């Protein structure tokens, strides 16, 4: 289905379906705001506590509080109580399974930023495979024949959850 040099479009079929349940829109409703992705970045880097997120990200405390609530309610972070000796109970934030699953998106966004937006000295962070020490990369791959894909190899079609446009 490869079409070198050209993107395959869904234009004719696309007009027959509404985007009311678009998976991209739903994902962006949860993580499509700058501070939210930066919270997730820091969670992947090992931050768990409010003060860690706040000092590393630098956003206002009220914004961070809102983002942590959003990510907890969406199931990306688990809110876990802890207590330091002599202190009141507080909460830290741990990546849930759903949150861990977002790492591919974060790595892909980092790769794009490293390629197109990095400064002259190169990327500020590299993510390495713990076992071999080499840089990781997010790759589109066909699960059927293991072929590595680019945007020009893709063919979008309506999925089972697509809602047809009403004729009414």
N, C-alpha and C. Protein backbone atom coordinates (compact mmCIF):
# COMPACT_ATOMS: atom_id res chain seq x y z
N UNK A 1 0.82 -1.19 0.00
CA UNK A 1 0.00 0.00 0.00
C UNK A 1 0.87 1.26 0.00
N UNK A 2 2.19 1.10 -0.11
CA UNK A 2 3.10 2.23 -0.11
C UNK A 2 2.91 3.07 -1.36
N UNK A 3 3.02 4.37 -1.19
CA UNK A 3 2.85 5.31 -2.30
C UNK A 3 3.95 6.34 -2.17
N UNK A 4 5.17 6.02 -2.63
CA UNK A 4 6.33 6.90 -2.42
C UNK A 4 6.05 8.33 -2.85
N UNK A 5 6.42 9.26 -1.97
CA UNK A 5 6.32 10.67 -2.30
C UNK A 5 4.95 11.28 -2.07
N UNK A 6 3.94 10.49 -1.76
CA UNK A 6 2.59 11.01 -1.61
C UNK A 6 1.94 10.48 -0.35
N UNK A 7 1.19 11.33 0.33
CA UNK A 7 0.41 10.88 1.47
C UNK A 7 -0.89 10.29 0.97
N UNK A 8 -1.31 9.20 1.57
CA UNK A 8 -2.61 8.63 1.26
C UNK A 8 -3.63 9.34 2.13
N UNK A 9 -4.66 9.86 1.52
CA UNK A 9 -5.65 10.62 2.27
C UNK A 9 -6.96 9.87 2.38
N UNK A 10 -7.77 10.28 3.33
CA UNK A 10 -9.05 9.66 3.59
C UNK A 10 -10.18 10.60 3.20
N UNK A 11 -9.88 11.60 2.37
CA UNK A 11 -10.80 12.71 2.16
C UNK A 11 -12.22 12.30 1.76
N UNK A 12 -12.38 11.45 0.76
CA UNK A 12 -13.73 11.09 0.33
C UNK A 12 -14.47 10.33 1.43
N UNK A 13 -13.82 9.34 2.02
CA UNK A 13 -14.45 8.59 3.11
C UNK A 13 -14.63 9.45 4.35
N UNK A 14 -13.68 10.33 4.60
CA UNK A 14 -13.70 11.14 5.82
C UNK A 14 -14.97 11.96 5.93
N UNK A 15 -15.46 12.46 4.81
CA UNK A 15 -16.66 13.29 4.82
C UNK A 15 -17.93 12.51 5.14
N UNK A 16 -17.85 11.20 5.13
CA UNK A 16 -19.01 10.37 5.45
C UNK A 16 -19.12 10.05 6.94
N UNK A 17 -18.12 10.48 7.72
CA UNK A 17 -18.08 10.16 9.15
C UNK A 17 -17.87 11.42 9.97
N UNK A 18 -18.48 11.47 11.14
CA UNK A 18 -18.30 12.61 12.04
C UNK A 18 -17.11 12.33 12.97
N UNK A 19 -16.56 13.38 13.51
CA UNK A 19 -15.39 13.24 14.38
C UNK A 19 -15.75 13.38 15.85
N UNK A 20 -17.01 13.11 16.19
CA UNK A 20 -17.47 13.32 17.56
C UNK A 20 -16.79 12.41 18.58
N UNK A 21 -16.27 11.30 18.14
CA UNK A 21 -15.60 10.38 19.07
C UNK A 21 -14.14 10.12 18.66
N UNK A 22 -13.52 11.12 18.08
CA UNK A 22 -12.14 11.01 17.60
C UNK A 22 -11.19 10.69 18.75
N UNK A 23 -10.39 9.65 18.59
CA UNK A 23 -9.44 9.25 19.63
C UNK A 23 -8.37 10.31 19.87
N UNK A 24 -7.96 11.01 18.83
CA UNK A 24 -6.97 12.07 19.00
C UNK A 24 -7.56 13.20 19.84
N UNK A 25 -8.78 13.61 19.53
CA UNK A 25 -9.43 14.66 20.31
C UNK A 25 -9.57 14.23 21.77
N UNK A 26 -10.00 13.01 22.00
CA UNK A 26 -10.17 12.53 23.38
C UNK A 26 -8.84 12.49 24.12
N UNK A 27 -7.79 12.09 23.45
CA UNK A 27 -6.47 12.07 24.08
C UNK A 27 -6.03 13.50 24.40
N UNK A 28 -6.25 14.42 23.47
CA UNK A 28 -5.86 15.82 23.70
C UNK A 28 -6.68 16.46 24.82
N UNK A 29 -7.92 16.00 25.00
CA UNK A 29 -8.72 16.49 26.12
C UNK A 29 -8.03 16.19 27.46
N UNK A 30 -7.26 15.13 27.51
CA UNK A 30 -6.55 14.74 28.74
C UNK A 30 -5.15 15.32 28.78
N UNK A 31 -4.36 15.17 27.71
CA UNK A 31 -2.93 15.52 27.76
C UNK A 31 -2.52 16.62 26.78
N UNK A 32 -3.48 17.29 26.18
CA UNK A 32 -3.16 18.23 25.11
C UNK A 32 -2.82 19.64 25.55
N UNK A 33 -2.42 19.81 26.78
CA UNK A 33 -2.05 21.12 27.29
C UNK A 33 -0.60 21.05 27.73
N UNK A 34 0.16 22.12 27.49
CA UNK A 34 1.61 22.13 27.72
C UNK A 34 1.99 21.64 29.11
N UNK A 35 1.39 22.19 30.15
CA UNK A 35 1.79 21.84 31.51
C UNK A 35 1.51 20.37 31.81
N UNK A 36 0.45 19.84 31.23
CA UNK A 36 0.09 18.44 31.46
C UNK A 36 1.17 17.52 30.91
N UNK A 37 1.62 17.77 29.70
CA UNK A 37 2.68 16.94 29.12
C UNK A 37 3.99 17.09 29.89
N UNK A 38 4.24 18.29 30.41
CA UNK A 38 5.45 18.48 31.19
C UNK A 38 5.37 17.75 32.54
N UNK A 39 4.19 17.67 33.13
CA UNK A 39 4.01 16.86 34.34
C UNK A 39 4.31 15.40 34.01
N UNK A 40 3.78 14.92 32.91
CA UNK A 40 4.02 13.53 32.52
C UNK A 40 5.50 13.29 32.24
N UNK A 41 6.15 14.25 31.59
CA UNK A 41 7.59 14.13 31.35
C UNK A 41 8.33 13.94 32.67
N UNK A 42 8.03 14.79 33.63
CA UNK A 42 8.72 14.71 34.92
C UNK A 42 8.37 13.43 35.68
N UNK A 43 7.15 12.94 35.52
CA UNK A 43 6.79 11.66 36.15
C UNK A 43 7.63 10.54 35.54
N UNK A 44 7.84 10.58 34.23
CA UNK A 44 8.71 9.59 33.59
C UNK A 44 10.16 9.74 34.05
N UNK A 45 10.57 10.96 34.37
CA UNK A 45 11.93 11.19 34.86
C UNK A 45 12.07 10.86 36.34
N UNK A 46 10.96 10.49 37.01
CA UNK A 46 11.04 10.03 38.39
C UNK A 46 10.44 10.94 39.44
N UNK A 47 9.86 12.05 39.07
CA UNK A 47 9.20 12.93 40.05
C UNK A 47 7.94 12.24 40.58
N UNK A 48 7.69 12.40 41.89
CA UNK A 48 6.50 11.83 42.52
C UNK A 48 5.75 12.87 43.35
N UNK A 49 6.46 13.84 43.83
CA UNK A 49 5.86 14.76 44.80
C UNK A 49 5.63 16.14 44.19
N UNK A 50 4.62 16.81 44.74
CA UNK A 50 4.20 18.12 44.23
C UNK A 50 5.38 19.07 44.09
N UNK A 51 6.20 19.18 45.14
CA UNK A 51 7.31 20.14 45.10
C UNK A 51 8.34 19.79 44.03
N UNK A 52 8.51 18.49 43.75
CA UNK A 52 9.42 18.09 42.65
C UNK A 52 8.88 18.57 41.31
N UNK A 53 7.58 18.29 41.08
CA UNK A 53 6.97 18.74 39.82
C UNK A 53 7.07 20.26 39.69
N UNK A 54 6.73 20.96 40.76
CA UNK A 54 6.68 22.42 40.73
C UNK A 54 8.05 23.02 40.45
N UNK A 55 9.09 22.54 41.11
CA UNK A 55 10.42 23.12 40.89
C UNK A 55 10.99 22.75 39.52
N UNK A 56 10.67 21.58 39.01
CA UNK A 56 11.21 21.15 37.72
C UNK A 56 10.48 21.76 36.53
N UNK A 57 9.17 21.99 36.70
CA UNK A 57 8.36 22.50 35.59
C UNK A 57 8.28 24.02 35.63
N UNK A 58 8.12 24.57 36.83
CA UNK A 58 8.09 26.01 36.99
C UNK A 58 6.75 26.67 36.73
N UNK A 59 5.68 25.91 36.71
CA UNK A 59 4.36 26.54 36.52
C UNK A 59 3.79 26.96 37.87
N UNK A 60 2.78 27.78 37.84
CA UNK A 60 2.11 28.23 39.06
C UNK A 60 1.54 27.04 39.81
N UNK A 61 1.52 27.13 41.14
CA UNK A 61 1.06 26.03 41.99
C UNK A 61 -0.39 25.65 41.68
N UNK A 62 -1.25 26.64 41.44
CA UNK A 62 -2.66 26.33 41.16
C UNK A 62 -2.81 25.58 39.84
N UNK A 63 -2.01 25.93 38.86
CA UNK A 63 -2.05 25.22 37.56
C UNK A 63 -1.57 23.79 37.75
N UNK A 64 -0.48 23.61 38.47
CA UNK A 64 0.03 22.27 38.73
C UNK A 64 -1.00 21.44 39.48
N UNK A 65 -1.65 22.02 40.48
CA UNK A 65 -2.69 21.30 41.22
C UNK A 65 -3.79 20.83 40.29
N UNK A 66 -4.24 21.72 39.41
CA UNK A 66 -5.29 21.37 38.44
C UNK A 66 -4.84 20.24 37.53
N UNK A 67 -3.60 20.31 37.04
CA UNK A 67 -3.10 19.28 36.12
C UNK A 67 -2.98 17.93 36.83
N UNK A 68 -2.54 17.93 38.07
CA UNK A 68 -2.44 16.68 38.82
C UNK A 68 -3.81 16.07 39.06
N UNK A 69 -4.81 16.90 39.33
CA UNK A 69 -6.18 16.41 39.48
C UNK A 69 -6.66 15.80 38.16
N UNK A 70 -6.44 16.51 37.06
CA UNK A 70 -6.86 16.01 35.74
C UNK A 70 -6.22 14.66 35.43
N UNK A 71 -4.91 14.57 35.66
CA UNK A 71 -4.19 13.33 35.34
C UNK A 71 -4.60 12.19 36.27
N UNK A 72 -4.92 12.51 37.51
CA UNK A 72 -5.38 11.49 38.45
C UNK A 72 -6.79 11.02 38.07
N UNK A 73 -7.68 11.96 37.80
CA UNK A 73 -9.05 11.60 37.41
C UNK A 73 -9.08 10.82 36.10
N UNK A 74 -8.15 11.13 35.19
CA UNK A 74 -8.10 10.42 33.90
C UNK A 74 -7.41 9.06 34.02
N UNK A 75 -6.83 8.78 35.19
CA UNK A 75 -6.22 7.47 35.41
C UNK A 75 -4.78 7.35 34.94
N UNK A 76 -4.11 8.46 34.64
CA UNK A 76 -2.71 8.40 34.22
C UNK A 76 -1.74 8.40 35.40
N UNK A 77 -2.18 9.02 36.49
CA UNK A 77 -1.40 9.04 37.73
C UNK A 77 -2.26 8.49 38.86
N UNK A 78 -1.61 7.77 39.76
CA UNK A 78 -2.27 7.31 40.99
C UNK A 78 -1.82 8.22 42.12
N UNK A 79 -2.77 8.67 42.93
CA UNK A 79 -2.48 9.52 44.08
C UNK A 79 -2.30 8.61 45.29
N UNK A 80 -1.09 8.61 45.86
CA UNK A 80 -0.72 7.67 46.91
C UNK A 80 -0.33 8.45 48.17
N UNK A 81 -0.94 8.13 49.33
CA UNK A 81 -0.58 8.86 50.54
C UNK A 81 0.79 8.46 51.07
N UNK A 82 1.45 9.43 51.71
CA UNK A 82 2.71 9.17 52.41
C UNK A 82 2.79 10.13 53.59
N UNK A 83 3.64 9.83 54.55
CA UNK A 83 3.82 10.70 55.70
C UNK A 83 5.29 10.68 56.12
N UNK A 84 5.90 11.86 56.13
CA UNK A 84 7.25 12.01 56.66
C UNK A 84 7.14 12.03 58.18
N UNK A 85 8.14 11.54 58.90
CA UNK A 85 8.08 11.55 60.37
C UNK A 85 7.80 12.96 60.91
N UNK A 86 6.80 13.04 61.77
CA UNK A 86 6.44 14.31 62.40
C UNK A 86 5.63 15.25 61.52
N UNK A 87 5.26 14.82 60.32
CA UNK A 87 4.52 15.67 59.38
C UNK A 87 3.12 15.12 59.17
N UNK A 88 2.27 15.94 58.57
CA UNK A 88 0.92 15.51 58.21
C UNK A 88 0.98 14.60 56.98
N UNK A 89 -0.08 13.87 56.77
CA UNK A 89 -0.15 13.01 55.58
C UNK A 89 -0.21 13.88 54.33
N UNK A 90 0.53 13.49 53.34
CA UNK A 90 0.53 14.13 52.03
C UNK A 90 0.32 13.06 50.98
N UNK A 91 0.34 13.50 49.71
CA UNK A 91 0.17 12.56 48.61
C UNK A 91 1.28 12.73 47.60
N UNK A 92 1.67 11.63 47.01
CA UNK A 92 2.58 11.67 45.87
C UNK A 92 1.86 11.04 44.70
N UNK A 93 2.44 11.20 43.53
CA UNK A 93 1.79 10.79 42.28
C UNK A 93 2.67 9.78 41.57
N UNK A 94 2.08 8.63 41.31
CA UNK A 94 2.80 7.53 40.66
C UNK A 94 2.15 7.24 39.31
N UNK A 95 2.97 6.92 38.34
CA UNK A 95 2.44 6.56 37.02
C UNK A 95 1.62 5.28 37.12
N UNK A 96 0.43 5.31 36.57
CA UNK A 96 -0.41 4.12 36.47
C UNK A 96 -0.03 3.36 35.20
N UNK A 97 -0.66 2.24 34.97
CA UNK A 97 -0.42 1.50 33.73
C UNK A 97 -0.80 2.37 32.52
N UNK A 98 -1.92 3.06 32.64
CA UNK A 98 -2.36 3.96 31.56
C UNK A 98 -1.35 5.07 31.35
N UNK A 99 -0.80 5.61 32.43
CA UNK A 99 0.22 6.65 32.32
C UNK A 99 1.51 6.14 31.71
N UNK A 100 1.92 4.95 32.14
CA UNK A 100 3.14 4.36 31.57
C UNK A 100 2.99 4.14 30.07
N UNK A 101 1.78 3.84 29.64
CA UNK A 101 1.54 3.59 28.22
C UNK A 101 1.72 4.84 27.37
N UNK A 102 1.74 6.01 27.99
CA UNK A 102 1.93 7.26 27.26
C UNK A 102 3.39 7.51 26.89
N UNK A 103 4.31 6.71 27.39
CA UNK A 103 5.74 6.96 27.15
C UNK A 103 6.09 6.97 25.66
N UNK A 104 5.43 6.15 24.88
CA UNK A 104 5.72 6.13 23.45
C UNK A 104 5.40 7.48 22.81
N UNK A 105 4.32 8.10 23.24
CA UNK A 105 3.93 9.41 22.73
C UNK A 105 4.95 10.46 23.16
N UNK A 106 5.36 10.41 24.42
CA UNK A 106 6.33 11.38 24.93
C UNK A 106 7.67 11.22 24.21
N UNK A 107 8.11 9.98 23.99
CA UNK A 107 9.37 9.75 23.27
C UNK A 107 9.25 10.23 21.83
N UNK A 108 8.11 9.96 21.18
CA UNK A 108 7.92 10.42 19.80
C UNK A 108 7.94 11.94 19.74
N UNK A 109 7.31 12.61 20.69
CA UNK A 109 7.32 14.07 20.72
C UNK A 109 8.74 14.59 20.97
N UNK A 110 9.47 13.92 21.85
CA UNK A 110 10.86 14.29 22.12
C UNK A 110 11.71 14.13 20.86
N UNK A 111 11.54 13.01 20.16
CA UNK A 111 12.29 12.79 18.92
C UNK A 111 12.03 13.90 17.91
N UNK A 112 10.75 14.25 17.75
CA UNK A 112 10.40 15.31 16.83
C UNK A 112 11.07 16.62 17.26
N UNK A 113 10.98 16.93 18.56
CA UNK A 113 11.61 18.15 19.08
C UNK A 113 13.12 18.13 18.90
N UNK A 114 13.73 16.96 19.12
CA UNK A 114 15.18 16.84 18.94
C UNK A 114 15.57 17.08 17.48
N UNK A 115 14.74 16.62 16.57
CA UNK A 115 15.06 16.78 15.14
C UNK A 115 14.82 18.19 14.65
N UNK A 116 13.70 18.80 15.07
CA UNK A 116 13.29 20.05 14.46
C UNK A 116 13.44 21.28 15.37
N UNK A 117 13.56 21.09 16.67
CA UNK A 117 13.56 22.24 17.56
C UNK A 117 14.74 22.30 18.53
N UNK A 118 15.63 21.33 18.50
CA UNK A 118 16.77 21.33 19.44
C UNK A 118 17.70 22.51 19.15
N UNK A 119 18.38 22.95 20.19
CA UNK A 119 19.34 24.04 20.02
C UNK A 119 20.59 23.57 19.30
N UNK A 120 21.53 24.46 19.06
CA UNK A 120 22.74 24.13 18.31
C UNK A 120 23.62 23.07 18.99
N UNK A 121 23.49 22.93 20.30
CA UNK A 121 24.29 21.93 21.01
C UNK A 121 23.68 20.54 20.96
N UNK A 122 22.48 20.43 20.39
CA UNK A 122 21.83 19.13 20.31
C UNK A 122 20.78 18.94 21.39
N UNK A 123 20.22 17.75 21.47
CA UNK A 123 19.14 17.50 22.42
C UNK A 123 19.62 17.60 23.87
N UNK A 124 18.77 18.17 24.74
CA UNK A 124 19.15 18.30 26.14
C UNK A 124 19.04 17.00 26.93
N UNK A 125 18.25 16.04 26.44
CA UNK A 125 18.07 14.76 27.12
C UNK A 125 18.10 13.66 26.07
N UNK A 126 18.75 12.57 26.39
CA UNK A 126 18.69 11.37 25.57
C UNK A 126 18.12 10.26 26.44
N UNK A 127 17.25 9.45 25.88
CA UNK A 127 16.67 8.33 26.60
C UNK A 127 17.35 7.07 26.09
N UNK A 128 17.97 6.34 26.99
CA UNK A 128 18.76 5.17 26.62
C UNK A 128 18.09 3.87 27.08
N UNK A 129 18.33 2.82 26.33
CA UNK A 129 17.90 1.48 26.71
C UNK A 129 18.74 1.06 27.90
N UNK A 130 18.07 0.74 29.00
CA UNK A 130 18.78 0.42 30.24
C UNK A 130 19.76 -0.73 30.07
N UNK A 131 19.42 -1.74 29.28
CA UNK A 131 20.26 -2.94 29.16
C UNK A 131 21.50 -2.73 28.29
N UNK A 132 21.35 -2.02 27.16
CA UNK A 132 22.50 -1.92 26.24
C UNK A 132 23.11 -0.52 26.18
N UNK A 133 22.41 0.47 26.68
CA UNK A 133 22.95 1.82 26.71
C UNK A 133 22.78 2.63 25.44
N UNK A 134 22.09 2.11 24.44
CA UNK A 134 21.87 2.84 23.20
C UNK A 134 20.58 3.65 23.28
N UNK A 135 20.52 4.71 22.47
CA UNK A 135 19.34 5.58 22.44
C UNK A 135 18.12 4.80 21.93
N UNK A 136 16.97 5.08 22.54
CA UNK A 136 15.72 4.47 22.09
C UNK A 136 15.06 5.38 21.07
N UNK A 137 14.14 4.83 20.30
CA UNK A 137 13.37 5.63 19.35
C UNK A 137 11.98 5.04 19.23
N UNK A 138 11.02 5.92 19.00
CA UNK A 138 9.65 5.51 18.72
C UNK A 138 9.55 5.29 17.21
N UNK A 139 9.09 4.13 16.83
CA UNK A 139 9.03 3.76 15.41
C UNK A 139 7.65 3.23 15.09
N UNK A 140 7.10 3.63 13.93
CA UNK A 140 5.87 3.02 13.43
C UNK A 140 6.27 1.73 12.72
N UNK A 141 5.62 0.65 13.09
CA UNK A 141 5.98 -0.64 12.52
C UNK A 141 4.70 -1.43 12.27
N UNK A 142 4.63 -2.08 11.13
CA UNK A 142 3.50 -2.94 10.80
C UNK A 142 3.59 -4.21 11.65
N UNK A 143 2.56 -4.54 12.43
CA UNK A 143 2.63 -5.75 13.25
C UNK A 143 2.54 -7.04 12.42
N UNK A 144 2.08 -6.94 11.17
CA UNK A 144 1.95 -8.12 10.33
C UNK A 144 3.28 -8.56 9.74
N UNK A 145 4.01 -7.62 9.11
CA UNK A 145 5.26 -8.02 8.44
C UNK A 145 6.50 -7.32 9.01
N UNK A 146 6.32 -6.57 10.10
CA UNK A 146 7.44 -5.94 10.81
C UNK A 146 8.12 -4.83 10.01
N UNK A 147 7.47 -4.31 8.97
CA UNK A 147 8.03 -3.23 8.16
C UNK A 147 7.99 -1.92 8.92
N UNK A 148 9.08 -1.18 8.91
CA UNK A 148 9.12 0.16 9.49
C UNK A 148 8.40 1.10 8.52
N UNK A 149 7.54 1.96 9.04
CA UNK A 149 6.67 2.79 8.22
C UNK A 149 6.93 4.27 8.42
N UNK A 150 6.60 5.06 7.39
CA UNK A 150 6.58 6.52 7.48
C UNK A 150 5.15 6.97 7.20
N UNK A 151 4.91 8.27 7.30
CA UNK A 151 3.58 8.81 7.03
C UNK A 151 3.10 8.45 5.62
N UNK A 152 4.02 8.33 4.69
CA UNK A 152 3.65 8.03 3.31
C UNK A 152 3.25 6.57 3.10
N UNK A 153 3.46 5.72 4.09
CA UNK A 153 3.08 4.31 4.00
C UNK A 153 1.72 4.02 4.64
N UNK A 154 1.10 5.02 5.21
CA UNK A 154 -0.13 4.81 5.97
C UNK A 154 -1.37 5.06 5.12
N UNK A 155 -2.44 4.36 5.46
CA UNK A 155 -3.70 4.49 4.75
C UNK A 155 -4.83 4.54 5.78
N UNK A 156 -5.29 5.74 6.18
CA UNK A 156 -6.34 5.83 7.18
C UNK A 156 -7.71 5.41 6.62
N UNK A 157 -8.41 4.58 7.37
CA UNK A 157 -9.75 4.13 7.01
C UNK A 157 -10.63 4.21 8.24
N UNK A 158 -11.95 4.31 8.08
CA UNK A 158 -12.83 4.33 9.25
C UNK A 158 -12.70 3.03 10.05
N UNK A 159 -12.65 3.16 11.36
CA UNK A 159 -12.57 2.01 12.24
C UNK A 159 -13.94 1.58 12.71
N UNK A 160 -14.00 0.54 13.53
CA UNK A 160 -15.29 0.03 13.98
C UNK A 160 -16.08 1.03 14.83
N UNK A 161 -15.42 2.01 15.42
CA UNK A 161 -16.11 3.01 16.23
C UNK A 161 -16.50 4.25 15.47
N UNK A 162 -16.26 4.29 14.15
CA UNK A 162 -16.61 5.47 13.35
C UNK A 162 -18.13 5.64 13.31
N UNK A 163 -18.57 6.89 13.43
CA UNK A 163 -20.00 7.20 13.38
C UNK A 163 -20.33 7.85 12.04
N UNK A 164 -21.18 7.21 11.25
CA UNK A 164 -21.55 7.81 9.96
C UNK A 164 -22.30 9.13 10.16
N UNK A 165 -22.13 10.04 9.18
CA UNK A 165 -22.86 11.29 9.20
C UNK A 165 -24.34 10.95 9.03
N UNK A 166 -25.17 11.59 9.82
CA UNK A 166 -26.61 11.37 9.73
C UNK A 166 -27.15 12.04 8.48
N UNK A 167 -28.05 11.35 7.78
CA UNK A 167 -28.66 11.93 6.57
C UNK A 167 -29.76 12.92 6.89
N UNK A 168 -30.14 12.98 8.16
CA UNK A 168 -31.27 13.84 8.54
C UNK A 168 -30.92 15.29 8.52
